[in-house]
Amino acid sequence: MENQTEATAVEKQPQQNAQPQQPLKTKFCRHCGAKIPEDAVLCTACGRQVEELKSAAAQPSIIINNENTNVNQNHLGAAQTGRQRSKWAALALCFFLGFLGAHKFYEGKTGMGILYFFTLGLFGIGVLIDFIVLLFKPNPYYV
């Protein structure tokens, strides 16, 4: 019996010291609708920002007074900086003598012309690609 009275005394003691808990004030997340604490800035359920952050210092106002007085001095156009070549002449050379690199020599690309000469137009693949590229170039084009 003595053990039972001690157990009930121990059980009653925490209940006597327990204070009634105040209910936490909550609000609903505007994104997912979950209940979150009233002072929360981020939703604990979805992680999205619910309120604006309160900054300690006000943001300074920034005044930008930029003036662009630059004048474009390019009167010829950016694409006309090389030697002028005919699209149709390069296309004909590529079609008939492309495996020898004639169209590359015509454009002034001697190194690529030699490479095309010894590899028979990069084994035909280079000639095919060059033919397609030349079809879509403007006439005249600049090298």
N, C-alpha and C. Protein backbone atom coordinates (compact mmCIF):
# COMPACT_ATOMS: atom_id res chain seq x y z
N MET A 1 0.81 -1.19 0.00
CA MET A 1 0.00 0.00 0.00
C MET A 1 0.85 1.25 0.00
N GLU A 2 1.94 1.12 0.71
CA GLU A 2 2.82 2.28 0.83
C GLU A 2 3.40 2.64 -0.54
N ASN A 3 3.73 1.66 -1.36
CA ASN A 3 4.26 1.90 -2.70
C ASN A 3 3.22 2.58 -3.59
N GLN A 4 1.98 2.22 -3.40
CA GLN A 4 0.92 2.81 -4.22
C GLN A 4 0.72 4.28 -3.87
N THR A 5 0.82 4.64 -2.60
CA THR A 5 0.66 6.05 -2.21
C THR A 5 1.82 6.88 -2.72
N GLU A 6 3.03 6.29 -2.72
CA GLU A 6 4.17 7.04 -3.27
C GLU A 6 3.99 7.26 -4.77
N ALA A 7 3.51 6.28 -5.47
CA ALA A 7 3.32 6.38 -6.92
C ALA A 7 2.25 7.43 -7.23
N THR A 8 1.18 7.47 -6.46
CA THR A 8 0.16 8.47 -6.72
C THR A 8 0.65 9.86 -6.35
N ALA A 9 1.52 9.96 -5.34
CA ALA A 9 2.06 11.26 -4.96
C ALA A 9 3.00 11.76 -6.06
N VAL A 10 3.77 10.84 -6.66
CA VAL A 10 4.68 11.23 -7.73
C VAL A 10 3.87 11.62 -8.98
N GLU A 11 2.80 10.91 -9.22
CA GLU A 11 1.97 11.21 -10.38
C GLU A 11 1.28 12.56 -10.22
N LYS A 12 0.87 12.90 -9.01
CA LYS A 12 0.14 14.14 -8.79
C LYS A 12 1.07 15.35 -8.83
N GLN A 13 2.33 15.14 -8.49
CA GLN A 13 3.26 16.26 -8.40
C GLN A 13 3.44 16.99 -9.73
N PRO A 14 3.70 16.30 -10.84
CA PRO A 14 3.84 17.03 -12.08
C PRO A 14 2.56 17.75 -12.48
N GLN A 15 1.43 17.21 -12.14
CA GLN A 15 0.18 17.84 -12.50
C GLN A 15 -0.02 19.16 -11.73
N GLN A 16 0.49 19.21 -10.53
CA GLN A 16 0.34 20.42 -9.74
C GLN A 16 1.23 21.53 -10.28
N ASN A 17 2.43 21.19 -10.77
CA ASN A 17 3.35 22.19 -11.28
C ASN A 17 3.04 22.61 -12.72
N ALA A 18 2.26 21.84 -13.42
CA ALA A 18 1.96 22.13 -14.81
C ALA A 18 1.11 23.38 -14.92
N GLN A 19 1.54 24.29 -15.77
CA GLN A 19 0.78 25.51 -16.00
C GLN A 19 -0.08 25.31 -17.24
N PRO A 20 -1.20 25.95 -17.31
CA PRO A 20 -2.02 25.79 -18.52
C PRO A 20 -1.32 26.45 -19.70
N GLN A 21 -1.22 25.73 -20.79
CA GLN A 21 -0.54 26.24 -21.97
C GLN A 21 -1.47 27.17 -22.73
N GLN A 22 -0.88 28.28 -23.19
CA GLN A 22 -1.66 29.21 -23.98
C GLN A 22 -1.65 28.72 -25.43
N PRO A 23 -2.77 28.77 -26.08
CA PRO A 23 -2.79 28.31 -27.47
C PRO A 23 -1.97 29.24 -28.35
N LEU A 24 -1.17 28.65 -29.26
CA LEU A 24 -0.36 29.44 -30.18
C LEU A 24 -1.27 30.11 -31.20
N LYS A 25 -1.00 31.37 -31.47
CA LYS A 25 -1.77 32.06 -32.49
C LYS A 25 -1.25 31.60 -33.85
N THR A 26 -2.17 31.24 -34.72
CA THR A 26 -1.78 30.71 -36.03
C THR A 26 -2.48 31.48 -37.13
N LYS A 27 -1.99 31.28 -38.31
CA LYS A 27 -2.60 31.82 -39.51
C LYS A 27 -2.48 30.77 -40.60
N PHE A 28 -3.10 31.02 -41.73
CA PHE A 28 -3.07 30.07 -42.82
C PHE A 28 -2.11 30.55 -43.91
N CYS A 29 -1.36 29.63 -44.48
CA CYS A 29 -0.46 29.95 -45.60
C CYS A 29 -1.32 30.27 -46.81
N ARG A 30 -0.98 31.36 -47.49
CA ARG A 30 -1.78 31.76 -48.65
C ARG A 30 -1.47 30.91 -49.89
N HIS A 31 -0.42 30.09 -49.82
CA HIS A 31 -0.05 29.26 -50.97
C HIS A 31 -0.60 27.84 -50.87
N CYS A 32 -0.44 27.23 -49.67
CA CYS A 32 -0.87 25.84 -49.53
C CYS A 32 -2.03 25.67 -48.56
N GLY A 33 -2.33 26.68 -47.73
CA GLY A 33 -3.45 26.62 -46.82
C GLY A 33 -3.15 25.94 -45.50
N ALA A 34 -1.90 25.60 -45.22
CA ALA A 34 -1.54 24.93 -43.98
C ALA A 34 -1.53 25.94 -42.84
N LYS A 35 -1.76 25.42 -41.59
CA LYS A 35 -1.69 26.28 -40.42
C LYS A 35 -0.23 26.50 -40.07
N ILE A 36 0.14 27.77 -39.87
CA ILE A 36 1.52 28.12 -39.51
C ILE A 36 1.47 29.13 -38.38
N PRO A 37 2.57 29.28 -37.61
CA PRO A 37 2.59 30.30 -36.55
C PRO A 37 2.36 31.68 -37.13
N GLU A 38 1.76 32.55 -36.32
CA GLU A 38 1.37 33.87 -36.78
C GLU A 38 2.57 34.73 -37.18
N ASP A 39 3.71 34.56 -36.51
CA ASP A 39 4.88 35.39 -36.80
C ASP A 39 5.81 34.77 -37.84
N ALA A 40 5.39 33.69 -38.48
CA ALA A 40 6.25 33.01 -39.46
C ALA A 40 6.33 33.83 -40.74
N VAL A 41 7.53 33.88 -41.31
CA VAL A 41 7.73 34.55 -42.59
C VAL A 41 7.70 33.53 -43.72
N LEU A 42 8.18 32.31 -43.43
CA LEU A 42 8.15 31.22 -44.41
C LEU A 42 7.18 30.15 -43.93
N CYS A 43 6.47 29.56 -44.85
CA CYS A 43 5.54 28.49 -44.51
C CYS A 43 6.32 27.25 -44.12
N THR A 44 5.93 26.63 -43.00
CA THR A 44 6.63 25.43 -42.54
C THR A 44 6.25 24.20 -43.35
N ALA A 45 5.14 24.28 -44.09
CA ALA A 45 4.69 23.14 -44.87
C ALA A 45 5.26 23.16 -46.29
N CYS A 46 5.08 24.29 -46.98
CA CYS A 46 5.52 24.34 -48.38
C CYS A 46 6.83 25.10 -48.57
N GLY A 47 7.27 25.90 -47.60
CA GLY A 47 8.55 26.58 -47.69
C GLY A 47 8.52 27.89 -48.45
N ARG A 48 7.35 28.33 -48.89
CA ARG A 48 7.27 29.58 -49.65
C ARG A 48 7.16 30.77 -48.72
N GLN A 49 7.54 31.91 -49.19
CA GLN A 49 7.52 33.13 -48.39
C GLN A 49 6.08 33.63 -48.26
N VAL A 50 5.67 33.87 -47.01
CA VAL A 50 4.31 34.28 -46.73
C VAL A 50 4.23 35.78 -46.53
N GLU A 51 5.24 36.36 -45.89
CA GLU A 51 5.26 37.80 -45.61
C GLU A 51 6.55 38.40 -46.08
N GLU A 52 6.54 39.71 -46.25
CA GLU A 52 7.75 40.43 -46.61
C GLU A 52 8.68 40.49 -45.41
N LEU A 53 9.97 40.42 -45.67
CA LEU A 53 10.95 40.54 -44.60
C LEU A 53 11.01 41.98 -44.14
N LYS A 54 11.07 42.15 -42.84
CA LYS A 54 11.17 43.49 -42.30
C LYS A 54 12.64 43.84 -42.18
N SER A 55 13.11 44.79 -42.96
CA SER A 55 14.53 45.16 -42.92
C SER A 55 14.73 46.19 -41.83
N ALA A 56 15.90 46.13 -41.20
CA ALA A 56 16.22 47.04 -40.10
C ALA A 56 16.40 48.47 -40.61
N ALA A 57 17.06 48.63 -41.72
CA ALA A 57 17.30 49.97 -42.25
C ALA A 57 16.52 50.14 -43.55
N ALA A 58 16.03 51.31 -43.79
CA ALA A 58 15.31 51.58 -45.02
C ALA A 58 16.29 51.61 -46.19
N GLN A 59 15.83 51.16 -47.33
CA GLN A 59 16.69 51.12 -48.50
C GLN A 59 16.95 52.55 -49.00
N PRO A 60 18.18 52.85 -49.35
CA PRO A 60 18.47 54.20 -49.85
C PRO A 60 17.91 54.36 -51.27
N SER A 61 17.50 55.55 -51.58
CA SER A 61 17.02 55.79 -52.94
C SER A 61 18.22 56.02 -53.84
N ILE A 62 18.19 55.40 -54.99
CA ILE A 62 19.31 55.46 -55.93
C ILE A 62 18.87 56.25 -57.15
N ILE A 63 19.65 57.23 -57.49
CA ILE A 63 19.37 58.05 -58.67
C ILE A 63 20.46 57.78 -59.70
N ILE A 64 20.05 57.37 -60.89
CA ILE A 64 21.00 57.07 -61.95
C ILE A 64 20.83 58.10 -63.06
N ASN A 65 21.89 58.82 -63.32
CA ASN A 65 21.86 59.83 -64.38
C ASN A 65 22.85 59.43 -65.47
N ASN A 66 22.50 58.44 -66.24
CA ASN A 66 23.36 58.00 -67.34
C ASN A 66 22.88 58.61 -68.64
N GLU A 67 23.83 59.07 -69.41
CA GLU A 67 23.50 59.57 -70.74
C GLU A 67 24.39 58.85 -71.73
N ASN A 68 23.79 58.31 -72.77
CA ASN A 68 24.55 57.62 -73.80
C ASN A 68 24.77 58.59 -74.95
N THR A 69 26.00 59.05 -75.08
CA THR A 69 26.32 59.98 -76.16
C THR A 69 27.18 59.32 -77.23
N ASN A 70 27.25 57.98 -77.21
CA ASN A 70 28.05 57.27 -78.21
C ASN A 70 27.36 57.31 -79.55
N VAL A 71 28.15 57.48 -80.60
CA VAL A 71 27.63 57.53 -81.96
C VAL A 71 28.27 56.38 -82.74
N ASN A 72 27.46 55.63 -83.47
CA ASN A 72 27.97 54.53 -84.25
C ASN A 72 28.70 55.08 -85.48
N GLN A 73 29.97 54.77 -85.60
CA GLN A 73 30.78 55.27 -86.71
C GLN A 73 30.90 54.25 -87.84
N ASN A 74 30.22 53.10 -87.71
CA ASN A 74 30.30 52.04 -88.70
C ASN A 74 29.32 52.34 -89.83
N HIS A 75 29.80 52.85 -90.94
CA HIS A 75 28.93 53.23 -92.04
C HIS A 75 28.79 52.12 -93.08
N LEU A 76 29.75 51.19 -93.12
CA LEU A 76 29.71 50.14 -94.13
C LEU A 76 28.90 48.94 -93.68
N GLY A 77 28.75 48.74 -92.40
CA GLY A 77 28.07 47.55 -91.89
C GLY A 77 29.09 46.55 -91.42
N ALA A 78 28.75 45.80 -90.44
CA ALA A 78 29.71 44.87 -89.83
C ALA A 78 30.02 43.68 -90.72
N ALA A 79 29.10 43.29 -91.60
CA ALA A 79 29.31 42.11 -92.42
C ALA A 79 30.20 42.38 -93.62
N GLN A 80 30.49 43.62 -93.96
CA GLN A 80 31.24 43.94 -95.17
C GLN A 80 32.69 44.28 -94.87
N THR A 81 33.33 43.49 -94.03
CA THR A 81 34.71 43.80 -93.66
C THR A 81 35.72 42.95 -94.40
N GLY A 82 35.30 41.97 -95.21
CA GLY A 82 36.25 41.12 -95.92
C GLY A 82 36.18 41.33 -97.41
N ARG A 83 36.74 40.35 -98.13
CA ARG A 83 36.70 40.42 -99.60
C ARG A 83 35.38 39.85 -100.09
N GLN A 84 34.82 40.48 -101.08
CA GLN A 84 33.52 40.08 -101.60
C GLN A 84 33.67 38.86 -102.50
N ARG A 85 32.83 37.85 -102.29
CA ARG A 85 32.84 36.63 -103.11
C ARG A 85 31.43 36.34 -103.59
N SER A 86 31.35 35.74 -104.78
CA SER A 86 30.05 35.39 -105.35
C SER A 86 29.60 34.04 -104.79
N LYS A 87 28.36 34.02 -104.35
CA LYS A 87 27.78 32.80 -103.80
C LYS A 87 27.70 31.72 -104.88
N TRP A 88 27.30 32.11 -106.08
CA TRP A 88 27.06 31.13 -107.14
C TRP A 88 28.36 30.54 -107.68
N ALA A 89 29.42 31.34 -107.73
CA ALA A 89 30.72 30.81 -108.17
C ALA A 89 31.24 29.81 -107.15
N ALA A 90 31.13 30.14 -105.87
CA ALA A 90 31.60 29.22 -104.83
C ALA A 90 30.76 27.96 -104.81
N LEU A 91 29.46 28.08 -105.06
CA LEU A 91 28.58 26.92 -105.07
C LEU A 91 28.91 25.99 -106.24
N ALA A 92 29.19 26.57 -107.43
CA ALA A 92 29.56 25.76 -108.60
C ALA A 92 30.90 25.06 -108.37
N LEU A 93 31.87 25.78 -107.80
CA LEU A 93 33.16 25.15 -107.51
C LEU A 93 33.02 24.03 -106.49
N CYS A 94 32.16 24.24 -105.51
CA CYS A 94 31.95 23.22 -104.48
C CYS A 94 31.29 21.98 -105.08
N PHE A 95 30.33 22.18 -105.99
CA PHE A 95 29.61 21.06 -106.58
C PHE A 95 30.50 20.23 -107.52
N PHE A 96 31.28 20.93 -108.38
CA PHE A 96 32.07 20.20 -109.37
C PHE A 96 33.46 19.83 -108.90
N LEU A 97 34.13 20.70 -108.16
CA LEU A 97 35.51 20.45 -107.74
C LEU A 97 35.67 20.52 -106.22
N GLY A 98 34.60 20.27 -105.49
CA GLY A 98 34.64 20.36 -104.03
C GLY A 98 35.58 19.35 -103.40
N PHE A 99 35.69 18.17 -104.00
CA PHE A 99 36.58 17.15 -103.44
C PHE A 99 38.05 17.54 -103.57
N LEU A 100 38.37 18.52 -104.45
CA LEU A 100 39.74 19.03 -104.56
C LEU A 100 39.93 20.32 -103.75
N GLY A 101 38.85 20.83 -103.15
CA GLY A 101 38.95 22.03 -102.32
C GLY A 101 38.96 23.32 -103.10
N ALA A 102 38.47 23.31 -104.33
CA ALA A 102 38.52 24.51 -105.18
C ALA A 102 37.73 25.67 -104.58
N HIS A 103 36.61 25.39 -103.95
CA HIS A 103 35.82 26.46 -103.35
C HIS A 103 36.53 27.09 -102.16
N LYS A 104 37.35 26.31 -101.47
CA LYS A 104 38.12 26.85 -100.34
C LYS A 104 39.25 27.74 -100.85
N PHE A 105 39.90 27.33 -101.94
CA PHE A 105 40.93 28.19 -102.54
C PHE A 105 40.31 29.49 -103.06
N TYR A 106 39.09 29.41 -103.62
CA TYR A 106 38.39 30.59 -104.13
C TYR A 106 38.10 31.58 -102.99
N GLU A 107 37.77 31.07 -101.83
CA GLU A 107 37.48 31.93 -100.67
C GLU A 107 38.75 32.49 -100.04
N GLY A 108 39.92 31.98 -100.44
CA GLY A 108 41.17 32.45 -99.87
C GLY A 108 41.61 31.66 -98.66
N LYS A 109 40.98 30.55 -98.41
CA LYS A 109 41.33 29.68 -97.28
C LYS A 109 42.24 28.57 -97.80
N THR A 110 43.50 28.92 -97.96
CA THR A 110 44.46 28.01 -98.59
C THR A 110 44.70 26.76 -97.75
N GLY A 111 44.80 26.91 -96.45
CA GLY A 111 45.04 25.76 -95.57
C GLY A 111 43.93 24.74 -95.65
N MET A 112 42.70 25.21 -95.62
CA MET A 112 41.56 24.30 -95.73
C MET A 112 41.50 23.70 -97.13
N GLY A 113 41.89 24.48 -98.16
CA GLY A 113 41.91 23.97 -99.52
C GLY A 113 42.89 22.81 -99.66
N ILE A 114 44.06 22.93 -99.06
CA ILE A 114 45.05 21.84 -99.10
C ILE A 114 44.53 20.62 -98.35
N LEU A 115 43.90 20.84 -97.21
CA LEU A 115 43.32 19.73 -96.44
C LEU A 115 42.24 19.01 -97.25
N TYR A 116 41.37 19.76 -97.92
CA TYR A 116 40.34 19.17 -98.76
C TYR A 116 40.96 18.42 -99.94
N PHE A 117 42.06 18.95 -100.49
CA PHE A 117 42.73 18.33 -101.64
C PHE A 117 43.26 16.94 -101.27
N PHE A 118 43.92 16.83 -100.11
CA PHE A 118 44.54 15.56 -99.72
C PHE A 118 43.56 14.57 -99.09
N THR A 119 42.43 15.04 -98.61
CA THR A 119 41.45 14.13 -97.98
C THR A 119 40.21 13.95 -98.84
N LEU A 120 40.27 14.44 -100.09
CA LEU A 120 39.15 14.36 -101.01
C LEU A 120 37.89 14.97 -100.39
N GLY A 121 38.03 16.22 -99.97
CA GLY A 121 36.89 16.96 -99.43
C GLY A 121 36.44 16.45 -98.08
N LEU A 122 37.42 16.13 -97.22
CA LEU A 122 37.14 15.53 -95.91
C LEU A 122 36.23 14.32 -96.07
N PHE A 123 36.65 13.46 -97.04
CA PHE A 123 35.98 12.21 -97.36
C PHE A 123 34.53 12.42 -97.82
N GLY A 124 34.29 13.55 -98.47
CA GLY A 124 32.97 13.85 -99.02
C GLY A 124 32.02 14.51 -98.04
N ILE A 125 32.25 14.33 -96.76
CA ILE A 125 31.36 14.91 -95.74
C ILE A 125 31.53 16.42 -95.70
N GLY A 126 32.76 16.90 -95.77
CA GLY A 126 33.03 18.33 -95.75
C GLY A 126 32.43 19.05 -96.94
N VAL A 127 32.49 18.41 -98.11
CA VAL A 127 31.93 19.01 -99.33
C VAL A 127 30.42 19.13 -99.20
N LEU A 128 29.77 18.10 -98.67
CA LEU A 128 28.32 18.13 -98.50
C LEU A 128 27.91 19.23 -97.53
N ILE A 129 28.60 19.36 -96.42
CA ILE A 129 28.29 20.41 -95.44
C ILE A 129 28.54 21.78 -96.04
N ASP A 130 29.67 21.95 -96.74
CA ASP A 130 29.97 23.25 -97.36
C ASP A 130 28.93 23.62 -98.41
N PHE A 131 28.44 22.64 -99.17
CA PHE A 131 27.43 22.91 -100.19
C PHE A 131 26.14 23.45 -99.55
N ILE A 132 25.73 22.83 -98.46
CA ILE A 132 24.52 23.27 -97.75
C ILE A 132 24.72 24.65 -97.15
N VAL A 133 25.89 24.91 -96.57
CA VAL A 133 26.18 26.22 -95.98
C VAL A 133 26.20 27.30 -97.05
N LEU A 134 26.80 26.99 -98.19
CA LEU A 134 26.85 27.98 -99.28
C LEU A 134 25.47 28.29 -99.84
N LEU A 135 24.56 27.33 -99.82
CA LEU A 135 23.20 27.58 -100.30
C LEU A 135 22.50 28.66 -99.49
N PHE A 136 22.79 28.74 -98.20
CA PHE A 136 22.09 29.68 -97.33
C PHE A 136 22.84 30.99 -97.11
N LYS A 137 23.98 31.18 -97.77
CA LYS A 137 24.71 32.45 -97.65
C LYS A 137 24.09 33.49 -98.57
N PRO A 138 24.21 34.76 -98.20
CA PRO A 138 23.70 35.81 -99.10
C PRO A 138 24.63 35.99 -100.30
N ASN A 139 24.11 36.59 -101.33
CA ASN A 139 24.94 36.87 -102.50
C ASN A 139 25.08 38.37 -102.67
N PRO A 140 26.22 38.93 -102.71
CA PRO A 140 27.54 38.37 -102.46
C PRO A 140 27.78 38.22 -100.95
N TYR A 141 28.69 37.35 -100.59
CA TYR A 141 29.07 37.20 -99.19
C TYR A 141 30.53 37.63 -99.06
N TYR A 142 30.92 37.89 -97.83
CA TYR A 142 32.26 38.43 -97.57
C TYR A 142 33.08 37.44 -96.76
N VAL A 143 34.35 37.26 -97.21
CA VAL A 143 35.27 36.34 -96.56
C VAL A 143 36.35 37.13 -95.87
